[in-house]
Amino acid sequence: MAKRILCGIACLLLLLGCSRKEPPPAPKAAPAKKLLIGLIPERNIFRQLERYQPLADYLSRKTGAKIVLKVLPRYGNIIDNFRSSGMDGAFFGSFTYPLAHAKVGVEVLARPVALDNTSTYYGMIFVRKDSRIRAARDMRGKRFAFVDKATTAGYLLPLEYFQKHGISNYRKYLKETYFTGTHEGAIRDVLDRKADIGAAKNTVYYRIAKEDPRILRDLVVLTRSPDVPENGLALRGDIDPSMRDRMKEALLNMHLDPEGVKVLKGFGALKFIGTTDKDYAAVVEYAKDIHLDLAAYDYMNN
């Protein structure tokens, strides 16, 4: 009898063991969220990526999102890409940010402080020293190299300059006008005599002057704009608030992190500082002075 009982218990245990379910497999880690970030074409695509890619890699590690960079062929394309390419953010210039804020509702987070402890830049109009052009009256019948209609330094400044000097139609006043697409292009076109006059931002002007001494030797600056914010990172208004907070925290604390300090050095910055819409007030006022409506502005070059 005891043997039968023991045998029955053994069979019961065997059946229970066979029917026991295997534990469910561990859930797979959710793929990292991808954020597509645009870069305006201050310089050629290779130099832009060389400067920004280490920063993108750092932010990817700190936020848990995969930061993918896209260098755009022209300034106004940033706004187009928000509408057509699913872009999540961009490093906006001082004019493209107010435009994108008005048109697609992006919100700025932070901007870099340069190695000289400045977080602003200004636009300049320049000519060759041997051109004999020193004032607006000397520009009649000359060639002008703009950067893009969506830039402060490369377009708003010249518009304000012409208006200030009573030139209501610069296209008729000048022999030729065109857009180079980059600040570097406008500088080099004047330097190489492809254009008589150019406009660009001072940070690019003096950065490439370190590589090419002809810029300071052969060019002269005629006028400059007010100071405006350096290129700042802004994200879409509907980005997850927690992601926005992580991104801003990573940027603002970079200078406290040894790894971040190394990335900042390569980027050419001391740190990032918080930035708000109020920092762009000078650009908005500048636009109003020349009767430009940001929400309705046609930023396509023509």
Protein backbone atom coordinates (compact mmCIF):
# COMPACT_ATOMS: atom_id res chain seq x y z
CA MET A 1 0.00 0.00 0.00
CA ALA A 2 2.81 2.37 0.93
CA LYS A 3 4.53 1.61 -2.35
CA ARG A 4 1.36 2.48 -4.27
CA ILE A 5 1.00 5.76 -2.41
CA LEU A 6 4.62 6.69 -3.06
CA CYS A 7 4.28 5.75 -6.74
CA GLY A 8 1.14 7.88 -7.05
CA ILE A 9 2.87 10.87 -5.48
CA ALA A 10 5.84 10.45 -7.85
CA CYS A 11 3.53 10.33 -10.88
CA LEU A 12 1.66 13.40 -9.65
CA LEU A 13 4.91 15.34 -9.23
CA LEU A 14 6.02 14.22 -12.68
CA LEU A 15 2.78 15.47 -14.23
CA LEU A 16 3.03 18.79 -12.42
CA GLY A 17 6.60 19.22 -13.62
CA CYS A 18 5.63 18.53 -17.21
CA SER A 19 2.72 20.96 -17.12
CA ARG A 20 4.67 23.79 -15.49
CA LYS A 21 4.96 26.75 -17.89
CA GLU A 22 8.35 28.17 -18.79
CA PRO A 23 8.89 31.74 -17.51
CA PRO A 24 8.14 34.38 -20.16
CA PRO A 25 11.19 35.79 -21.98
CA ALA A 26 12.57 39.05 -20.63
CA PRO A 27 11.07 42.01 -22.48
CA LYS A 28 13.31 43.55 -25.10
CA ALA A 29 14.62 47.00 -24.34
CA ALA A 30 12.65 49.66 -26.14
CA PRO A 31 14.61 51.15 -29.04
CA ALA A 32 16.14 54.54 -28.27
CA LYS A 33 14.02 57.42 -29.48
CA LYS A 34 15.45 59.10 -32.54
CA LEU A 35 15.64 62.88 -32.71
CA LEU A 36 16.39 64.48 -36.06
CA ILE A 37 18.24 67.76 -35.52
CA GLY A 38 18.93 70.23 -38.33
CA LEU A 39 22.03 72.36 -38.85
CA ILE A 40 22.01 75.63 -40.76
CA PRO A 41 24.69 75.90 -43.48
CA GLU A 42 27.10 78.42 -41.95
CA ARG A 43 29.99 76.53 -43.50
CA ASN A 44 30.26 73.54 -45.84
CA ILE A 45 28.61 70.27 -44.83
CA PHE A 46 31.83 68.50 -43.83
CA ARG A 47 32.96 71.26 -41.46
CA GLN A 48 29.51 71.51 -39.92
CA LEU A 49 29.36 67.77 -39.22
CA GLU A 50 32.93 67.74 -37.93
CA ARG A 51 31.97 70.39 -35.38
CA TYR A 52 28.52 69.14 -34.33
CA GLN A 53 28.80 65.32 -34.46
CA PRO A 54 30.73 64.94 -31.15
CA LEU A 55 28.08 67.12 -29.47
CA ALA A 56 25.30 64.97 -30.95
CA ASP A 57 27.02 61.80 -29.72
CA TYR A 58 27.40 63.28 -26.23
CA LEU A 59 23.73 64.30 -26.05
CA SER A 60 22.72 60.83 -27.25
CA ARG A 61 24.57 59.24 -24.34
CA LYS A 62 23.18 61.68 -21.79
CA THR A 63 19.53 61.72 -22.90
CA GLY A 64 19.02 58.15 -24.12
CA ALA A 65 17.81 59.43 -27.49
CA LYS A 66 19.65 58.80 -30.74
CA ILE A 67 20.52 62.27 -32.06
CA VAL A 68 20.76 62.29 -35.86
CA LEU A 69 22.10 65.39 -37.59
CA LYS A 70 20.96 66.77 -40.91
CA VAL A 71 22.90 69.61 -42.55
CA LEU A 72 20.49 71.60 -44.65
CA PRO A 73 21.38 73.12 -48.02
CA ARG A 74 19.98 76.53 -47.09
CA TYR A 75 18.66 78.45 -44.11
CA GLY A 76 14.99 78.52 -45.04
CA ASN A 77 15.02 74.74 -45.48
CA ILE A 78 14.90 74.34 -41.70
CA ILE A 79 11.31 75.53 -41.64
CA ASP A 80 10.40 73.44 -44.69
CA ASN A 81 11.92 70.34 -43.09
CA PHE A 82 9.88 70.73 -39.93
CA ARG A 83 6.82 70.48 -42.11
CA SER A 84 7.93 67.78 -44.53
CA SER A 85 10.74 65.68 -43.03
CA GLY A 86 9.67 65.09 -39.44
CA MET A 87 12.47 67.18 -37.99
CA ASP A 88 12.45 67.39 -34.20
CA GLY A 89 14.73 70.36 -33.63
CA ALA A 90 17.58 72.45 -34.98
CA PHE A 91 20.40 74.77 -34.09
CA PHE A 92 18.75 77.96 -35.25
CA GLY A 93 20.36 81.25 -36.19
CA SER A 94 19.15 84.49 -34.67
CA PHE A 95 16.67 85.09 -37.51
CA THR A 96 15.66 81.52 -38.33
CA TYR A 97 14.57 80.97 -34.71
CA PRO A 98 12.01 83.84 -34.59
CA LEU A 99 10.81 82.71 -38.04
CA ALA A 100 10.40 79.06 -36.99
CA HIS A 101 8.87 80.06 -33.65
CA ALA A 102 6.26 82.16 -35.48
CA LYS A 103 5.60 79.61 -38.23
CA VAL A 104 5.93 76.17 -36.59
CA GLY A 105 6.05 76.83 -32.84
CA VAL A 106 9.53 75.61 -31.90
CA GLU A 107 10.89 76.47 -28.42
CA VAL A 108 14.54 77.37 -27.77
CA LEU A 109 16.51 75.61 -25.00
CA ALA A 110 20.11 76.81 -24.91
CA ARG A 111 22.96 78.38 -26.85
CA PRO A 112 26.77 78.14 -26.56
CA VAL A 113 29.14 80.60 -24.94
CA ALA A 114 32.21 80.95 -27.15
CA LEU A 115 35.80 80.68 -25.96
CA ASP A 116 35.97 84.49 -25.76
CA ASN A 117 33.04 84.36 -23.28
CA THR A 118 30.46 85.76 -25.74
CA SER A 119 27.10 84.16 -26.53
CA THR A 120 26.15 86.61 -29.30
CA TYR A 121 27.34 87.60 -32.74
CA TYR A 122 26.76 90.46 -35.15
CA GLY A 123 26.48 90.93 -38.89
CA MET A 124 28.94 92.85 -41.03
CA ILE A 125 28.98 94.42 -44.49
CA PHE A 126 32.43 94.32 -46.04
CA VAL A 127 34.30 95.09 -49.25
CA ARG A 128 37.82 94.76 -50.60
CA LYS A 129 40.13 97.51 -49.43
CA ASP A 130 41.16 98.25 -53.01
CA SER A 131 37.52 98.58 -54.20
CA ARG A 132 37.12 102.27 -53.22
CA ILE A 133 33.67 101.39 -51.85
CA ARG A 134 33.26 103.06 -48.46
CA ALA A 135 29.58 104.11 -48.34
CA ALA A 136 26.15 103.31 -49.79
CA ARG A 137 26.61 105.92 -52.54
CA ASP A 138 29.63 103.95 -53.80
CA MET A 139 27.60 100.75 -54.20
CA ARG A 140 25.57 101.86 -57.21
CA GLY A 141 26.09 99.43 -60.09
CA LYS A 142 28.07 96.94 -57.97
CA ARG A 143 27.61 93.23 -57.16
CA PHE A 144 26.35 92.25 -53.69
CA ALA A 145 26.70 88.73 -52.21
CA PHE A 146 23.98 88.00 -49.63
CA VAL A 147 23.91 84.76 -47.61
CA ASP A 148 20.21 83.87 -47.42
CA LYS A 149 16.87 85.62 -46.91
CA ALA A 150 16.51 83.80 -43.58
CA THR A 151 19.63 85.30 -41.97
CA THR A 152 20.14 88.36 -39.79
CA ALA A 153 23.74 89.00 -40.77
CA GLY A 154 23.46 87.96 -44.40
CA TYR A 155 20.22 89.73 -45.34
CA LEU A 156 18.41 91.73 -42.63
CA LEU A 157 21.47 93.90 -42.01
CA PRO A 158 21.84 94.89 -45.69
CA LEU A 159 18.09 95.62 -45.94
CA GLU A 160 18.28 97.91 -42.92
CA TYR A 161 21.44 99.53 -44.32
CA PHE A 162 19.81 100.26 -47.68
CA GLN A 163 16.68 101.65 -46.04
CA LYS A 164 18.75 103.86 -43.74
CA HIS A 165 20.53 105.33 -46.74
CA GLY A 166 17.41 105.96 -48.81
CA ILE A 167 17.77 103.03 -51.22
CA SER A 168 14.21 101.76 -51.63
CA ASN A 169 14.94 99.20 -54.37
CA TYR A 170 18.38 97.69 -53.96
CA ARG A 171 17.91 95.42 -56.98
CA LYS A 172 17.72 98.43 -59.28
CA TYR A 173 20.44 100.29 -57.41
CA LEU A 174 22.92 97.43 -57.66
CA LYS A 175 24.16 95.77 -60.83
CA GLU A 176 23.70 92.25 -59.47
CA THR A 177 22.61 90.51 -56.25
CA TYR A 178 22.71 86.81 -55.38
CA PHE A 179 22.66 84.39 -52.43
CA THR A 180 25.72 82.29 -51.64
CA GLY A 181 23.91 80.00 -49.18
CA THR A 182 26.69 80.19 -46.56
CA HIS A 183 28.46 82.97 -44.66
CA GLU A 184 31.79 81.52 -45.72
CA GLY A 185 30.70 81.68 -49.36
CA ALA A 186 29.84 85.40 -49.15
CA ILE A 187 33.19 86.19 -47.52
CA ARG A 188 35.21 84.24 -50.05
CA ASP A 189 33.30 85.64 -53.04
CA VAL A 190 34.26 89.19 -52.07
CA LEU A 191 37.79 88.10 -51.28
CA ASP A 192 38.10 86.43 -54.71
CA ARG A 193 36.46 89.38 -56.54
CA LYS A 194 33.34 87.46 -57.58
CA ALA A 195 31.34 90.11 -55.72
CA ASP A 196 32.11 93.72 -54.78
CA ILE A 197 30.23 93.74 -51.47
CA GLY A 198 29.23 91.01 -49.03
CA ALA A 199 27.46 90.47 -45.73
CA ALA A 200 28.10 87.74 -43.14
CA LYS A 201 28.36 87.06 -39.40
CA ASN A 202 31.48 88.11 -37.53
CA THR A 203 32.10 84.71 -35.91
CA VAL A 204 32.52 82.99 -39.29
CA TYR A 205 34.48 85.95 -40.69
CA TYR A 206 37.08 85.87 -37.92
CA ARG A 207 37.12 82.08 -37.65
CA ILE A 208 38.19 81.61 -41.25
CA ALA A 209 40.49 84.65 -41.03
CA LYS A 210 42.64 82.49 -38.74
CA GLU A 211 43.09 80.10 -41.67
CA ASP A 212 43.33 82.71 -44.43
CA PRO A 213 45.26 85.91 -43.55
CA ARG A 214 44.03 87.59 -46.74
CA ILE A 215 40.67 88.27 -45.08
CA LEU A 216 42.05 90.75 -42.56
CA ARG A 217 44.66 92.03 -44.99
CA ASP A 218 42.44 92.59 -48.05
CA LEU A 219 38.91 93.22 -46.70
CA VAL A 220 37.45 96.14 -44.74
CA VAL A 221 34.21 96.21 -42.70
CA LEU A 222 31.85 99.11 -43.45
CA THR A 223 29.13 98.57 -40.83
CA ARG A 224 27.75 96.06 -38.33
CA SER A 225 24.42 94.99 -36.84
CA PRO A 226 23.40 94.93 -33.15
CA ASP A 227 24.45 91.88 -31.14
CA VAL A 228 22.09 88.91 -31.53
CA PRO A 229 22.04 85.40 -29.96
CA GLU A 230 24.45 82.74 -31.19
CA ASN A 231 22.91 79.64 -32.80
CA GLY A 232 20.69 77.97 -30.20
CA LEU A 233 19.08 74.53 -30.01
CA ALA A 234 15.28 74.56 -30.21
CA LEU A 235 12.85 71.62 -30.25
CA ARG A 236 9.32 71.16 -31.55
CA GLY A 237 6.64 72.35 -29.16
CA ASP A 238 5.12 68.86 -28.89
CA ILE A 239 8.32 67.06 -27.87
CA ASP A 240 7.90 65.00 -24.69
CA PRO A 241 8.57 67.39 -21.76
CA SER A 242 10.81 64.84 -20.03
CA MET A 243 12.98 64.60 -23.15
CA ARG A 244 13.11 68.38 -23.38
CA ASP A 245 14.22 68.57 -19.74
CA ARG A 246 16.90 65.90 -20.21
CA MET A 247 18.25 67.67 -23.28
CA LYS A 248 18.40 71.05 -21.57
CA GLU A 249 19.96 69.59 -18.42
CA ALA A 250 22.64 67.81 -20.48
CA LEU A 251 23.52 71.02 -22.31
CA LEU A 252 23.58 73.27 -19.25
CA ASN A 253 25.72 70.83 -17.23
CA MET A 254 28.29 69.95 -19.90
CA HIS A 255 30.95 72.21 -18.42
CA LEU A 256 30.67 70.35 -15.09
CA ASP A 257 31.37 66.96 -16.69
CA PRO A 258 34.96 66.04 -17.75
CA GLU A 259 33.61 64.29 -20.85
CA GLY A 260 31.44 67.32 -21.61
CA VAL A 261 34.38 69.70 -21.20
CA LYS A 262 36.29 67.75 -23.84
CA VAL A 263 33.36 67.94 -26.27
CA LEU A 264 32.91 71.66 -25.58
CA LYS A 265 36.56 72.35 -26.35
CA GLY A 266 36.25 70.68 -29.74
CA PHE A 267 33.01 72.58 -30.37
CA GLY A 268 34.71 75.88 -29.57
CA ALA A 269 32.64 76.76 -26.49
CA LEU A 270 33.03 77.22 -22.76
CA LYS A 271 29.51 76.08 -21.89
CA PHE A 272 25.84 76.33 -22.87
CA ILE A 273 23.46 78.81 -21.26
CA GLY A 274 19.68 78.84 -21.00
CA THR A 275 17.96 80.85 -23.73
CA THR A 276 14.40 82.19 -24.11
CA ASP A 277 12.35 84.11 -26.64
CA LYS A 278 13.27 87.37 -24.88
CA ASP A 279 16.86 86.95 -26.07
CA TYR A 280 15.64 87.46 -29.65
CA ALA A 281 13.88 90.76 -28.97
CA ALA A 282 16.56 92.72 -30.87
CA VAL A 283 15.98 90.63 -34.01
CA VAL A 284 12.19 91.01 -33.78
CA GLU A 285 12.57 94.78 -33.41
CA TYR A 286 15.06 94.81 -36.27
CA ALA A 287 12.47 93.09 -38.47
CA LYS A 288 9.78 95.57 -37.43
CA ASP A 289 12.05 98.48 -38.32
CA ILE A 290 12.14 97.30 -41.93
CA HIS A 291 8.39 96.46 -41.88
CA LEU A 292 8.87 92.68 -42.02
CA ASP A 293 6.08 90.42 -40.70
CA LEU A 294 7.74 87.24 -39.40
CA ALA A 295 4.59 85.10 -39.57
CA ALA A 296 3.99 86.02 -43.22
CA TYR A 297 7.60 86.44 -44.37
CA ASP A 298 8.56 84.66 -47.60
CA TYR A 299 12.01 83.31 -46.73
CA MET A 300 12.61 81.62 -50.12
CA ASN A 301 15.51 83.17 -52.05
CA ASN A 302 14.57 84.78 -55.35
